[in-house]
Amino acid sequence: MTIKTDGTILQIVERPFKKGENSSMARKLSFNSDVILEKIMIYFWKNGFEATGFRELTIATGIKTQSLYNAFGNKNELFYQALNRYVSTFSQLSTQIIQSNKTPEQKLRDLLIFDTKPANYPQGCLVVNSLAKLDQIDPRLTQIANKQFDELAANFMLVLTSMKHELRADLPIETLASELLLLHNGIQQVIRNPKESANIHAIVATTIKSLKKD
């Protein structure tokens, strides 16, 4: 199998040569690596690292195992690229919340719950749900996770600062941002359970109310 890379388009020889045929005569199939990586990210997001293998990704993407390996590397490298993409996607969705015309309270709620269904993505957080395994898979993954946590904490601080006059004076904004980040991470671990929906919204409402002056 040979592979040529042109931007995000990968040209791959997919079938054995026929008798009397050379490599230049073999039929080439192409796929957009950006589209395929999106599918890989979503599969890891839904199923986690341990439950995902090349067999499952082949079915999910429609691309043969050897082609996936040649294009993206082994499973650990695939997950590294998928997690990078996830954090970029998370950043885009987070920015949309910050730049929206919603009230600060609504922005805090959206950042805490981070409902990804409207964007046609799975619920829960790929980073949070993979935390226990990140160092075992690849030490670089922890840096990616911290990038997301730092950005989310900064966004919490941004919203909290915008409503500073409404907040209790005894609550430092940096401390609040850290606590909200921890709450966000906890929510992401249970948000896929529909039975927890009412509890999640109640906890978020109570938390936001507790931040404000009486």
N, C-alpha and C. Protein backbone atom coordinates (compact mmCIF):
# COMPACT_ATOMS: atom_id res chain seq x y z
N MET A 1 0.84 -1.19 0.00
CA MET A 1 0.00 0.00 0.00
C MET A 1 0.88 1.24 0.00
N THR A 2 0.53 2.23 -0.82
CA THR A 2 1.25 3.50 -0.83
C THR A 2 0.31 4.60 -0.41
N ILE A 3 0.88 5.66 0.06
CA ILE A 3 0.06 6.76 0.54
C ILE A 3 0.69 8.08 0.15
N LYS A 4 -0.12 8.99 -0.34
CA LYS A 4 0.33 10.33 -0.66
C LYS A 4 -0.56 11.30 0.09
N THR A 5 0.03 12.36 0.61
CA THR A 5 -0.74 13.34 1.37
C THR A 5 -0.75 14.67 0.64
N ASP A 6 -1.96 15.22 0.46
CA ASP A 6 -2.11 16.51 -0.18
C ASP A 6 -3.10 17.31 0.65
N GLY A 7 -2.61 18.13 1.55
CA GLY A 7 -3.49 18.83 2.47
C GLY A 7 -4.15 17.82 3.38
N THR A 8 -5.49 17.86 3.40
CA THR A 8 -6.22 16.91 4.21
C THR A 8 -6.71 15.72 3.39
N ILE A 9 -6.39 15.69 2.12
CA ILE A 9 -6.87 14.62 1.27
C ILE A 9 -5.81 13.55 1.15
N LEU A 10 -6.15 12.34 1.54
CA LEU A 10 -5.21 11.23 1.51
C LEU A 10 -5.55 10.32 0.35
N GLN A 11 -4.60 10.08 -0.51
CA GLN A 11 -4.78 9.20 -1.64
C GLN A 11 -4.16 7.85 -1.30
N ILE A 12 -4.98 6.79 -1.28
CA ILE A 12 -4.50 5.49 -0.79
C ILE A 12 -4.82 4.39 -1.78
N VAL A 13 -3.83 3.55 -2.06
CA VAL A 13 -4.04 2.37 -2.88
C VAL A 13 -4.69 1.32 -2.01
N GLU A 14 -5.92 0.88 -2.36
CA GLU A 14 -6.69 0.05 -1.47
C GLU A 14 -6.72 -1.43 -1.86
N ARG A 15 -6.42 -1.81 -3.10
CA ARG A 15 -6.58 -3.20 -3.47
C ARG A 15 -5.29 -3.78 -4.04
N PRO A 16 -5.13 -5.09 -4.00
CA PRO A 16 -3.95 -5.72 -4.58
C PRO A 16 -3.89 -5.46 -6.08
N PHE A 17 -2.67 -5.47 -6.62
CA PHE A 17 -2.52 -5.30 -8.05
C PHE A 17 -3.02 -6.54 -8.79
N LYS A 18 -3.62 -6.33 -9.93
CA LYS A 18 -4.00 -7.43 -10.79
C LYS A 18 -2.79 -7.91 -11.59
N LYS A 19 -2.89 -9.09 -12.14
CA LYS A 19 -1.82 -9.64 -12.93
C LYS A 19 -1.51 -8.71 -14.10
N GLY A 20 -0.24 -8.37 -14.25
CA GLY A 20 0.18 -7.50 -15.33
C GLY A 20 -0.05 -6.03 -15.05
N GLU A 21 -0.45 -5.68 -13.84
CA GLU A 21 -0.73 -4.29 -13.49
C GLU A 21 0.33 -3.77 -12.54
N ASN A 22 0.81 -2.55 -12.74
CA ASN A 22 1.77 -1.98 -11.81
C ASN A 22 1.08 -1.00 -10.88
N SER A 23 1.84 -0.44 -9.95
CA SER A 23 1.24 0.42 -8.93
C SER A 23 0.57 1.65 -9.52
N SER A 24 1.10 2.17 -10.61
CA SER A 24 0.53 3.38 -11.19
C SER A 24 -0.82 3.11 -11.84
N MET A 25 -1.10 1.80 -12.12
CA MET A 25 -2.34 1.44 -12.76
C MET A 25 -3.42 1.07 -11.73
N ALA A 26 -3.02 0.90 -10.47
CA ALA A 26 -3.97 0.48 -9.45
C ALA A 26 -4.97 1.59 -9.16
N ARG A 27 -6.21 1.21 -8.88
CA ARG A 27 -7.25 2.18 -8.58
C ARG A 27 -7.00 2.82 -7.22
N LYS A 28 -7.10 4.13 -7.16
CA LYS A 28 -6.87 4.84 -5.90
C LYS A 28 -8.20 5.34 -5.34
N LEU A 29 -8.35 5.19 -4.06
CA LEU A 29 -9.49 5.76 -3.35
C LEU A 29 -9.00 6.92 -2.50
N SER A 30 -9.81 7.95 -2.35
CA SER A 30 -9.39 9.09 -1.55
C SER A 30 -10.40 9.33 -0.44
N PHE A 31 -9.90 9.86 0.68
CA PHE A 31 -10.81 10.29 1.73
C PHE A 31 -10.25 11.54 2.38
N ASN A 32 -11.16 12.30 2.95
CA ASN A 32 -10.79 13.54 3.61
C ASN A 32 -10.42 13.22 5.06
N SER A 33 -9.17 13.41 5.41
CA SER A 33 -8.71 13.02 6.75
C SER A 33 -9.41 13.81 7.85
N ASP A 34 -9.83 15.04 7.53
CA ASP A 34 -10.52 15.86 8.52
C ASP A 34 -11.88 15.24 8.86
N VAL A 35 -12.58 14.79 7.86
CA VAL A 35 -13.88 14.15 8.06
C VAL A 35 -13.72 12.84 8.83
N ILE A 36 -12.72 12.06 8.46
CA ILE A 36 -12.49 10.78 9.12
C ILE A 36 -12.08 10.98 10.58
N LEU A 37 -11.23 11.98 10.85
CA LEU A 37 -10.82 12.24 12.23
C LEU A 37 -12.01 12.67 13.07
N GLU A 38 -12.94 13.40 12.48
CA GLU A 38 -14.16 13.78 13.19
C GLU A 38 -14.94 12.54 13.62
N LYS A 39 -15.05 11.57 12.72
CA LYS A 39 -15.75 10.33 13.05
C LYS A 39 -15.01 9.54 14.13
N ILE A 40 -13.70 9.53 14.05
CA ILE A 40 -12.89 8.84 15.06
C ILE A 40 -13.07 9.51 16.42
N MET A 41 -13.04 10.85 16.44
CA MET A 41 -13.23 11.58 17.69
C MET A 41 -14.57 11.23 18.30
N ILE A 42 -15.63 11.23 17.51
CA ILE A 42 -16.97 10.95 18.03
C ILE A 42 -17.06 9.53 18.56
N TYR A 43 -16.41 8.58 17.89
CA TYR A 43 -16.47 7.20 18.38
C TYR A 43 -15.77 7.07 19.73
N PHE A 44 -14.58 7.65 19.85
CA PHE A 44 -13.89 7.65 21.15
C PHE A 44 -14.74 8.37 22.21
N TRP A 45 -15.37 9.46 21.83
CA TRP A 45 -16.19 10.26 22.72
C TRP A 45 -17.35 9.42 23.27
N LYS A 46 -17.99 8.66 22.40
CA LYS A 46 -19.14 7.84 22.81
C LYS A 46 -18.72 6.62 23.62
N ASN A 47 -17.61 6.00 23.22
CA ASN A 47 -17.29 4.67 23.73
C ASN A 47 -16.06 4.58 24.62
N GLY A 48 -15.23 5.62 24.64
CA GLY A 48 -14.04 5.60 25.46
C GLY A 48 -12.87 4.89 24.79
N PHE A 49 -11.70 5.03 25.40
CA PHE A 49 -10.47 4.48 24.81
C PHE A 49 -10.46 2.96 24.81
N GLU A 50 -10.78 2.35 25.95
CA GLU A 50 -10.64 0.91 26.08
C GLU A 50 -11.60 0.14 25.19
N ALA A 51 -12.80 0.68 24.97
CA ALA A 51 -13.81 -0.02 24.18
C ALA A 51 -13.66 0.24 22.68
N THR A 52 -12.64 0.98 22.32
CA THR A 52 -12.44 1.35 20.91
C THR A 52 -11.18 0.71 20.36
N GLY A 53 -11.32 0.02 19.24
CA GLY A 53 -10.18 -0.58 18.57
C GLY A 53 -10.26 -0.30 17.08
N PHE A 54 -9.28 -0.78 16.33
CA PHE A 54 -9.28 -0.54 14.89
C PHE A 54 -10.50 -1.18 14.22
N ARG A 55 -10.94 -2.31 14.73
CA ARG A 55 -12.11 -2.96 14.14
C ARG A 55 -13.33 -2.04 14.23
N GLU A 56 -13.55 -1.46 15.41
CA GLU A 56 -14.68 -0.57 15.58
C GLU A 56 -14.53 0.70 14.74
N LEU A 57 -13.32 1.22 14.68
CA LEU A 57 -13.10 2.44 13.90
C LEU A 57 -13.23 2.20 12.40
N THR A 58 -12.87 1.00 11.98
CA THR A 58 -13.05 0.65 10.57
C THR A 58 -14.53 0.67 10.21
N ILE A 59 -15.35 0.12 11.08
CA ILE A 59 -16.79 0.11 10.85
C ILE A 59 -17.35 1.53 10.90
N ALA A 60 -16.89 2.31 11.87
CA ALA A 60 -17.40 3.68 12.05
C ALA A 60 -17.03 4.60 10.90
N THR A 61 -15.84 4.40 10.34
CA THR A 61 -15.36 5.32 9.30
C THR A 61 -15.53 4.78 7.89
N GLY A 62 -15.63 3.45 7.77
CA GLY A 62 -15.68 2.85 6.44
C GLY A 62 -14.32 2.76 5.79
N ILE A 63 -13.27 2.99 6.56
CA ILE A 63 -11.90 2.94 6.05
C ILE A 63 -11.20 1.71 6.61
N LYS A 64 -10.44 1.02 5.77
CA LYS A 64 -9.77 -0.20 6.19
C LYS A 64 -8.72 0.07 7.27
N THR A 65 -8.48 -0.95 8.09
CA THR A 65 -7.56 -0.82 9.22
C THR A 65 -6.19 -0.33 8.79
N GLN A 66 -5.63 -0.94 7.75
CA GLN A 66 -4.28 -0.56 7.33
C GLN A 66 -4.24 0.88 6.83
N SER A 67 -5.31 1.31 6.19
CA SER A 67 -5.38 2.70 5.72
C SER A 67 -5.44 3.67 6.89
N LEU A 68 -6.23 3.32 7.92
CA LEU A 68 -6.28 4.16 9.12
C LEU A 68 -4.92 4.24 9.79
N TYR A 69 -4.28 3.08 9.88
CA TYR A 69 -2.95 3.03 10.52
C TYR A 69 -1.95 3.88 9.74
N ASN A 70 -1.95 3.73 8.43
CA ASN A 70 -1.01 4.50 7.60
C ASN A 70 -1.27 6.00 7.69
N ALA A 71 -2.54 6.36 7.80
CA ALA A 71 -2.89 7.78 7.79
C ALA A 71 -2.70 8.44 9.15
N PHE A 72 -3.01 7.71 10.24
CA PHE A 72 -3.04 8.34 11.56
C PHE A 72 -2.09 7.71 12.59
N GLY A 73 -1.61 6.51 12.35
CA GLY A 73 -0.74 5.85 13.31
C GLY A 73 -1.47 4.81 14.13
N ASN A 74 -0.85 4.36 15.24
CA ASN A 74 -1.46 3.33 16.06
C ASN A 74 -2.62 3.89 16.89
N LYS A 75 -3.21 3.05 17.73
CA LYS A 75 -4.40 3.47 18.48
C LYS A 75 -4.10 4.64 19.41
N ASN A 76 -2.95 4.62 20.07
CA ASN A 76 -2.59 5.72 20.97
C ASN A 76 -2.48 7.04 20.21
N GLU A 77 -1.87 6.98 19.03
CA GLU A 77 -1.71 8.18 18.22
C GLU A 77 -3.06 8.66 17.70
N LEU A 78 -3.92 7.70 17.35
CA LEU A 78 -5.28 8.05 16.93
C LEU A 78 -6.01 8.79 18.04
N PHE A 79 -5.88 8.28 19.26
CA PHE A 79 -6.57 8.91 20.39
C PHE A 79 -5.98 10.29 20.67
N TYR A 80 -4.68 10.42 20.54
CA TYR A 80 -4.03 11.73 20.74
C TYR A 80 -4.61 12.76 19.77
N GLN A 81 -4.71 12.37 18.51
CA GLN A 81 -5.26 13.30 17.51
C GLN A 81 -6.74 13.57 17.76
N ALA A 82 -7.47 12.52 18.17
CA ALA A 82 -8.90 12.68 18.44
C ALA A 82 -9.12 13.61 19.63
N LEU A 83 -8.29 13.47 20.68
CA LEU A 83 -8.44 14.31 21.86
C LEU A 83 -8.09 15.76 21.54
N ASN A 84 -7.08 15.95 20.72
CA ASN A 84 -6.72 17.30 20.27
C ASN A 84 -7.90 17.94 19.56
N ARG A 85 -8.52 17.17 18.70
CA ARG A 85 -9.67 17.68 17.95
C ARG A 85 -10.83 17.97 18.90
N TYR A 86 -11.02 17.09 19.87
CA TYR A 86 -12.10 17.30 20.83
C TYR A 86 -11.92 18.62 21.58
N VAL A 87 -10.70 18.88 22.05
CA VAL A 87 -10.44 20.10 22.81
C VAL A 87 -10.68 21.33 21.93
N SER A 88 -10.34 21.24 20.66
CA SER A 88 -10.60 22.35 19.74
C SER A 88 -12.10 22.55 19.55
N THR A 89 -12.84 21.44 19.44
CA THR A 89 -14.29 21.50 19.31
C THR A 89 -14.92 22.09 20.57
N PHE A 90 -14.45 21.64 21.73
CA PHE A 90 -14.91 22.16 23.02
C PHE A 90 -14.67 23.66 23.09
N SER A 91 -13.51 24.09 22.64
CA SER A 91 -13.16 25.51 22.68
C SER A 91 -14.12 26.33 21.83
N GLN A 92 -14.45 25.82 20.66
CA GLN A 92 -15.38 26.52 19.77
C GLN A 92 -16.77 26.65 20.39
N LEU A 93 -17.25 25.55 20.99
CA LEU A 93 -18.57 25.58 21.63
C LEU A 93 -18.57 26.51 22.84
N SER A 94 -17.46 26.49 23.59
CA SER A 94 -17.33 27.36 24.75
C SER A 94 -17.33 28.83 24.34
N THR A 95 -16.64 29.13 23.27
CA THR A 95 -16.60 30.51 22.76
C THR A 95 -17.98 30.98 22.33
N GLN A 96 -18.74 30.08 21.72
CA GLN A 96 -20.10 30.43 21.31
C GLN A 96 -20.95 30.82 22.51
N ILE A 97 -20.76 30.10 23.62
CA ILE A 97 -21.50 30.43 24.85
C ILE A 97 -21.09 31.81 25.35
N ILE A 98 -19.79 32.06 25.42
CA ILE A 98 -19.28 33.34 25.94
C ILE A 98 -19.74 34.51 25.07
N GLN A 99 -19.78 34.32 23.77
CA GLN A 99 -20.12 35.40 22.85
C GLN A 99 -21.61 35.55 22.60
N SER A 100 -22.40 34.70 23.21
CA SER A 100 -23.85 34.77 23.01
C SER A 100 -24.44 35.98 23.72
N ASN A 101 -25.70 36.26 23.45
CA ASN A 101 -26.39 37.40 24.07
C ASN A 101 -27.11 37.00 25.36
N LYS A 102 -26.80 35.83 25.87
CA LYS A 102 -27.46 35.36 27.08
C LYS A 102 -26.97 36.13 28.30
N THR A 103 -27.73 36.04 29.38
CA THR A 103 -27.33 36.68 30.62
C THR A 103 -26.13 35.93 31.22
N PRO A 104 -25.40 36.59 32.13
CA PRO A 104 -24.28 35.90 32.77
C PRO A 104 -24.71 34.60 33.47
N GLU A 105 -25.87 34.61 34.12
CA GLU A 105 -26.35 33.41 34.79
C GLU A 105 -26.58 32.28 33.79
N GLN A 106 -27.14 32.61 32.64
CA GLN A 106 -27.38 31.61 31.61
C GLN A 106 -26.07 31.07 31.04
N LYS A 107 -25.09 31.95 30.92
CA LYS A 107 -23.78 31.51 30.42
C LYS A 107 -23.12 30.56 31.41
N LEU A 108 -23.21 30.89 32.70
CA LEU A 108 -22.65 29.99 33.71
C LEU A 108 -23.33 28.62 33.64
N ARG A 109 -24.64 28.64 33.51
CA ARG A 109 -25.39 27.38 33.42
C ARG A 109 -24.94 26.57 32.21
N ASP A 110 -24.82 27.24 31.08
CA ASP A 110 -24.43 26.53 29.85
C ASP A 110 -23.01 25.99 29.93
N LEU A 111 -22.10 26.74 30.55
CA LEU A 111 -20.72 26.25 30.71
C LEU A 111 -20.66 25.08 31.67
N LEU A 112 -21.49 25.09 32.69
CA LEU A 112 -21.50 24.01 33.67
C LEU A 112 -22.07 22.72 33.08
N ILE A 113 -23.22 22.84 32.44
CA ILE A 113 -23.89 21.66 31.90
C ILE A 113 -23.28 21.24 30.57
N PHE A 114 -22.95 22.19 29.76
CA PHE A 114 -22.32 21.98 28.45
C PHE A 114 -23.07 20.93 27.63
N ASP A 115 -24.31 21.28 27.33
CA ASP A 115 -25.17 20.39 26.54
C ASP A 115 -24.72 20.41 25.08
N THR A 116 -24.19 19.29 24.61
CA THR A 116 -23.66 19.22 23.25
C THR A 116 -24.66 18.63 22.25
N LYS A 117 -25.83 18.24 22.72
CA LYS A 117 -26.82 17.64 21.82
C LYS A 117 -27.24 18.58 20.68
N PRO A 118 -27.46 19.89 20.95
CA PRO A 118 -27.83 20.77 19.83
C PRO A 118 -26.79 20.81 18.72
N ALA A 119 -25.53 20.54 19.04
CA ALA A 119 -24.47 20.53 18.03
C ALA A 119 -24.28 19.13 17.44
N ASN A 120 -25.20 18.22 17.78
CA ASN A 120 -25.15 16.84 17.27
C ASN A 120 -23.90 16.09 17.71
N TYR A 121 -23.46 16.37 18.93
CA TYR A 121 -22.33 15.65 19.50
C TYR A 121 -22.81 14.83 20.70
N PRO A 122 -22.04 13.81 21.08
CA PRO A 122 -22.40 13.03 22.27
C PRO A 122 -22.35 13.91 23.52
N GLN A 123 -23.07 13.48 24.55
CA GLN A 123 -22.99 14.20 25.82
C GLN A 123 -21.82 13.65 26.64
N GLY A 124 -21.47 14.40 27.68
CA GLY A 124 -20.31 14.02 28.48
C GLY A 124 -19.04 14.61 27.88
N CYS A 125 -17.96 14.50 28.62
CA CYS A 125 -16.69 15.10 28.22
C CYS A 125 -15.64 14.02 27.96
N LEU A 126 -15.10 13.99 26.78
CA LEU A 126 -14.08 13.00 26.44
C LEU A 126 -12.86 13.15 27.34
N VAL A 127 -12.48 14.38 27.65
CA VAL A 127 -11.32 14.62 28.51
C VAL A 127 -11.58 14.12 29.93
N VAL A 128 -12.70 14.56 30.52
CA VAL A 128 -13.01 14.18 31.90
C VAL A 128 -13.15 12.67 32.03
N ASN A 129 -13.86 12.04 31.09
CA ASN A 129 -14.11 10.61 31.18
C ASN A 129 -12.89 9.77 30.85
N SER A 130 -11.81 10.41 30.41
CA SER A 130 -10.57 9.68 30.09
C SER A 130 -9.44 9.99 31.07
N LEU A 131 -9.70 10.86 32.04
CA LEU A 131 -8.64 11.37 32.91
C LEU A 131 -7.79 10.28 33.54
N ALA A 132 -8.42 9.23 34.03
CA ALA A 132 -7.69 8.19 34.75
C ALA A 132 -6.69 7.45 33.88
N LYS A 133 -6.90 7.51 32.57
CA LYS A 133 -6.07 6.74 31.66
C LYS A 133 -5.06 7.57 30.86
N LEU A 134 -5.16 8.89 30.95
CA LEU A 134 -4.39 9.75 30.05
C LEU A 134 -2.89 9.50 30.14
N ASP A 135 -2.33 9.49 31.34
CA ASP A 135 -0.89 9.30 31.50
C ASP A 135 -0.45 7.92 31.02
N GLN A 136 -1.32 6.91 31.19
CA GLN A 136 -0.98 5.56 30.76
C GLN A 136 -0.96 5.46 29.24
N ILE A 137 -1.85 6.21 28.59
CA ILE A 137 -1.93 6.16 27.13
C ILE A 137 -0.78 6.95 26.50
N ASP A 138 -0.61 8.19 26.96
CA ASP A 138 0.40 9.08 26.38
C ASP A 138 0.53 10.29 27.30
N PRO A 139 1.72 10.56 27.84
CA PRO A 139 1.90 11.71 28.73
C PRO A 139 1.49 13.04 28.10
N ARG A 140 1.51 13.13 26.78
CA ARG A 140 1.13 14.37 26.10
C ARG A 140 -0.35 14.70 26.32
N LEU A 141 -1.15 13.67 26.60
CA LEU A 141 -2.59 13.87 26.73
C LEU A 141 -2.95 14.73 27.93
N THR A 142 -2.15 14.64 28.99
CA THR A 142 -2.40 15.46 30.17
C THR A 142 -2.27 16.94 29.84
N GLN A 143 -1.32 17.28 28.99
CA GLN A 143 -1.15 18.67 28.57
C GLN A 143 -2.37 19.16 27.80
N ILE A 144 -2.93 18.28 26.97
CA ILE A 144 -4.13 18.64 26.21
C ILE A 144 -5.29 18.86 27.16
N ALA A 145 -5.43 17.96 28.15
CA ALA A 145 -6.51 18.09 29.13
C ALA A 145 -6.39 19.39 29.90
N ASN A 146 -5.18 19.72 30.34
CA ASN A 146 -4.96 20.95 31.10
C ASN A 146 -5.28 22.19 30.27
N LYS A 147 -5.05 22.11 28.98
CA LYS A 147 -5.38 23.22 28.09
C LYS A 147 -6.88 23.50 28.14
N GLN A 148 -7.67 22.42 28.11
CA GLN A 148 -9.12 22.60 28.17
C GLN A 148 -9.54 23.15 29.52
N PHE A 149 -8.99 22.59 30.59
CA PHE A 149 -9.38 23.05 31.93
C PHE A 149 -9.00 24.51 32.15
N ASP A 150 -7.83 24.90 31.67
CA ASP A 150 -7.40 26.30 31.83
C ASP A 150 -8.33 27.25 31.07
N GLU A 151 -8.71 26.85 29.87
CA GLU A 151 -9.60 27.70 29.08
C GLU A 151 -10.97 27.81 29.72
N LEU A 152 -11.48 26.68 30.23
CA LEU A 152 -12.80 26.72 30.85
C LEU A 152 -12.78 27.56 32.12
N ALA A 153 -11.73 27.42 32.94
CA ALA A 153 -11.61 28.24 34.15
C ALA A 153 -11.55 29.73 33.78
N ALA A 154 -10.83 30.05 32.71
CA ALA A 154 -10.74 31.44 32.26
C ALA A 154 -12.11 31.96 31.81
N ASN A 155 -12.88 31.10 31.16
CA ASN A 155 -14.22 31.52 30.73
C ASN A 155 -15.15 31.73 31.92
N PHE A 156 -15.02 30.88 32.93
CA PHE A 156 -15.81 31.09 34.15
C PHE A 156 -15.44 32.44 34.78
N MET A 157 -14.14 32.73 34.83
CA MET A 157 -13.69 34.00 35.40
C MET A 157 -14.23 35.18 34.60
N LEU A 158 -14.26 35.03 33.30
CA LEU A 158 -14.75 36.10 32.43
C LEU A 158 -16.22 36.42 32.73
N VAL A 159 -17.02 35.36 32.85
CA VAL A 159 -18.44 35.56 33.13
C VAL A 159 -18.64 36.10 34.55
N LEU A 160 -17.92 35.53 35.49
CA LEU A 160 -18.05 35.98 36.89
C LEU A 160 -17.65 37.45 37.04
N THR A 161 -16.61 37.86 36.33
CA THR A 161 -16.16 39.25 36.39
C THR A 161 -17.25 40.18 35.84
N SER A 162 -17.94 39.72 34.81
CA SER A 162 -18.99 40.55 34.19
C SER A 162 -20.18 40.76 35.12
N MET A 163 -20.32 39.90 36.14
CA MET A 163 -21.43 40.02 37.08
C MET A 163 -20.92 40.24 38.50
N LYS A 164 -19.71 40.79 38.60
CA LYS A 164 -19.05 40.96 39.89
C LYS A 164 -19.91 41.74 40.88
N HIS A 165 -20.62 42.74 40.40
CA HIS A 165 -21.43 43.57 41.29
C HIS A 165 -22.60 42.80 41.90
N GLU A 166 -22.91 41.63 41.32
CA GLU A 166 -24.02 40.81 41.82
C GLU A 166 -23.54 39.73 42.79
N LEU A 167 -22.22 39.51 42.84
CA LEU A 167 -21.68 38.39 43.62
C LEU A 167 -21.42 38.78 45.06
N ARG A 168 -21.42 37.79 45.92
CA ARG A 168 -21.06 37.99 47.31
C ARG A 168 -19.61 38.45 47.42
N ALA A 169 -19.36 39.42 48.28
CA ALA A 169 -18.02 40.01 48.40
C ALA A 169 -17.00 39.05 49.01
N ASP A 170 -17.48 38.04 49.75
CA ASP A 170 -16.57 37.13 50.43
C ASP A 170 -16.11 35.97 49.56
N LEU A 171 -16.48 35.99 48.27
CA LEU A 171 -16.13 34.89 47.37
C LEU A 171 -15.16 35.38 46.29
N PRO A 172 -13.85 35.11 46.41
CA PRO A 172 -12.88 35.51 45.38
C PRO A 172 -13.22 34.86 44.04
N ILE A 173 -13.14 35.62 42.99
CA ILE A 173 -13.54 35.13 41.68
C ILE A 173 -12.68 33.95 41.21
N GLU A 174 -11.39 34.00 41.49
CA GLU A 174 -10.52 32.89 41.07
C GLU A 174 -10.93 31.59 41.77
N THR A 175 -11.25 31.70 43.05
CA THR A 175 -11.69 30.52 43.79
C THR A 175 -13.01 30.00 43.24
N LEU A 176 -13.92 30.90 42.94
CA LEU A 176 -15.21 30.51 42.37
C LEU A 176 -15.03 29.80 41.04
N ALA A 177 -14.14 30.33 40.20
CA ALA A 177 -13.90 29.72 38.89
C ALA A 177 -13.39 28.30 39.03
N SER A 178 -12.49 28.08 39.99
CA SER A 178 -11.95 26.73 40.23
C SER A 178 -13.04 25.79 40.71
N GLU A 179 -13.91 26.29 41.59
CA GLU A 179 -14.99 25.45 42.11
C GLU A 179 -16.01 25.12 41.02
N LEU A 180 -16.28 26.09 40.17
CA LEU A 180 -17.21 25.83 39.06
C LEU A 180 -16.62 24.83 38.07
N LEU A 181 -15.32 24.89 37.87
CA LEU A 181 -14.66 23.92 36.99
C LEU A 181 -14.82 22.50 37.55
N LEU A 182 -14.64 22.36 38.86
CA LEU A 182 -14.81 21.04 39.49
C LEU A 182 -16.25 20.56 39.35
N LEU A 183 -17.20 21.47 39.50
CA LEU A 183 -18.61 21.09 39.35
C LEU A 183 -18.89 20.67 37.91
N HIS A 184 -18.37 21.44 36.97
CA HIS A 184 -18.52 21.08 35.55
C HIS A 184 -18.01 19.66 35.29
N ASN A 185 -16.83 19.34 35.80
CA ASN A 185 -16.23 18.02 35.57
C ASN A 185 -17.09 16.92 36.19
N GLY A 186 -17.64 17.20 37.37
CA GLY A 186 -18.51 16.21 37.99
C GLY A 186 -19.78 15.98 37.19
N ILE A 187 -20.35 17.06 36.68
CA ILE A 187 -21.57 16.95 35.87
C ILE A 187 -21.32 16.11 34.62
N GLN A 188 -20.16 16.30 34.00
CA GLN A 188 -19.87 15.57 32.76
C GLN A 188 -19.79 14.06 32.96
N GLN A 189 -19.55 13.63 34.18
CA GLN A 189 -19.46 12.20 34.44
C GLN A 189 -20.83 11.53 34.56
N VAL A 190 -21.87 12.33 34.79
CA VAL A 190 -23.20 11.74 34.98
C VAL A 190 -24.24 12.25 33.99
N ILE A 191 -23.87 13.18 33.13
CA ILE A 191 -24.86 13.85 32.29
C ILE A 191 -25.52 12.92 31.27
N ARG A 192 -24.85 11.81 30.94
CA ARG A 192 -25.46 10.88 29.98
C ARG A 192 -26.63 10.10 30.57
N ASN A 193 -26.72 10.09 31.89
CA ASN A 193 -27.80 9.38 32.56
C ASN A 193 -29.04 10.27 32.60
N PRO A 194 -30.10 9.94 31.84
CA PRO A 194 -31.28 10.81 31.81
C PRO A 194 -31.94 10.97 33.17
N LYS A 195 -31.73 10.03 34.07
CA LYS A 195 -32.32 10.11 35.40
C LYS A 195 -31.68 11.23 36.22
N GLU A 196 -30.49 11.67 35.80
CA GLU A 196 -29.77 12.71 36.55
C GLU A 196 -30.08 14.12 36.07
N SER A 197 -30.85 14.23 35.00
CA SER A 197 -31.08 15.55 34.39
C SER A 197 -31.68 16.55 35.37
N ALA A 198 -32.73 16.14 36.07
CA ALA A 198 -33.38 17.05 37.01
C ALA A 198 -32.43 17.45 38.14
N ASN A 199 -31.67 16.47 38.64
CA ASN A 199 -30.71 16.76 39.72
C ASN A 199 -29.64 17.74 39.26
N ILE A 200 -29.13 17.54 38.05
CA ILE A 200 -28.09 18.41 37.51
C ILE A 200 -28.58 19.84 37.43
N HIS A 201 -29.76 20.04 36.86
CA HIS A 201 -30.29 21.39 36.71
C HIS A 201 -30.57 22.03 38.07
N ALA A 202 -31.01 21.23 39.02
CA ALA A 202 -31.28 21.76 40.36
C ALA A 202 -29.98 22.18 41.04
N ILE A 203 -28.95 21.35 40.92
CA ILE A 203 -27.65 21.67 41.52
C ILE A 203 -27.06 22.93 40.91
N VAL A 204 -27.15 23.04 39.59
CA VAL A 204 -26.62 24.21 38.90
C VAL A 204 -27.37 25.47 39.34
N ALA A 205 -28.70 25.40 39.40
CA ALA A 205 -29.49 26.55 39.81
C ALA A 205 -29.16 26.97 41.24
N THR A 206 -29.04 25.99 42.13
CA THR A 206 -28.70 26.28 43.53
C THR A 206 -27.31 26.88 43.66
N THR A 207 -26.36 26.35 42.88
CA THR A 207 -24.98 26.84 42.93
C THR A 207 -24.91 28.30 42.48
N ILE A 208 -25.54 28.61 41.38
CA ILE A 208 -25.51 29.98 40.85
C ILE A 208 -26.19 30.94 41.83
N LYS A 209 -27.29 30.50 42.41
CA LYS A 209 -28.00 31.34 43.39
C LYS A 209 -27.13 31.62 44.60
N SER A 210 -26.34 30.62 45.02
CA SER A 210 -25.50 30.77 46.21
C SER A 210 -24.35 31.75 46.01
N LEU A 211 -24.03 32.04 44.77
CA LEU A 211 -22.93 32.96 44.48
C LEU A 211 -23.36 34.42 44.63
N LYS A 212 -24.65 34.66 44.53
CA LYS A 212 -25.13 36.04 44.46
C LYS A 212 -25.51 36.60 45.82
N LYS A 213 -25.51 37.91 45.89
CA LYS A 213 -25.89 38.60 47.12
C LYS A 213 -27.35 38.31 47.44
N ASP A 214 -27.67 38.35 48.69
CA ASP A 214 -29.06 38.15 49.11
C ASP A 214 -29.92 39.33 48.68
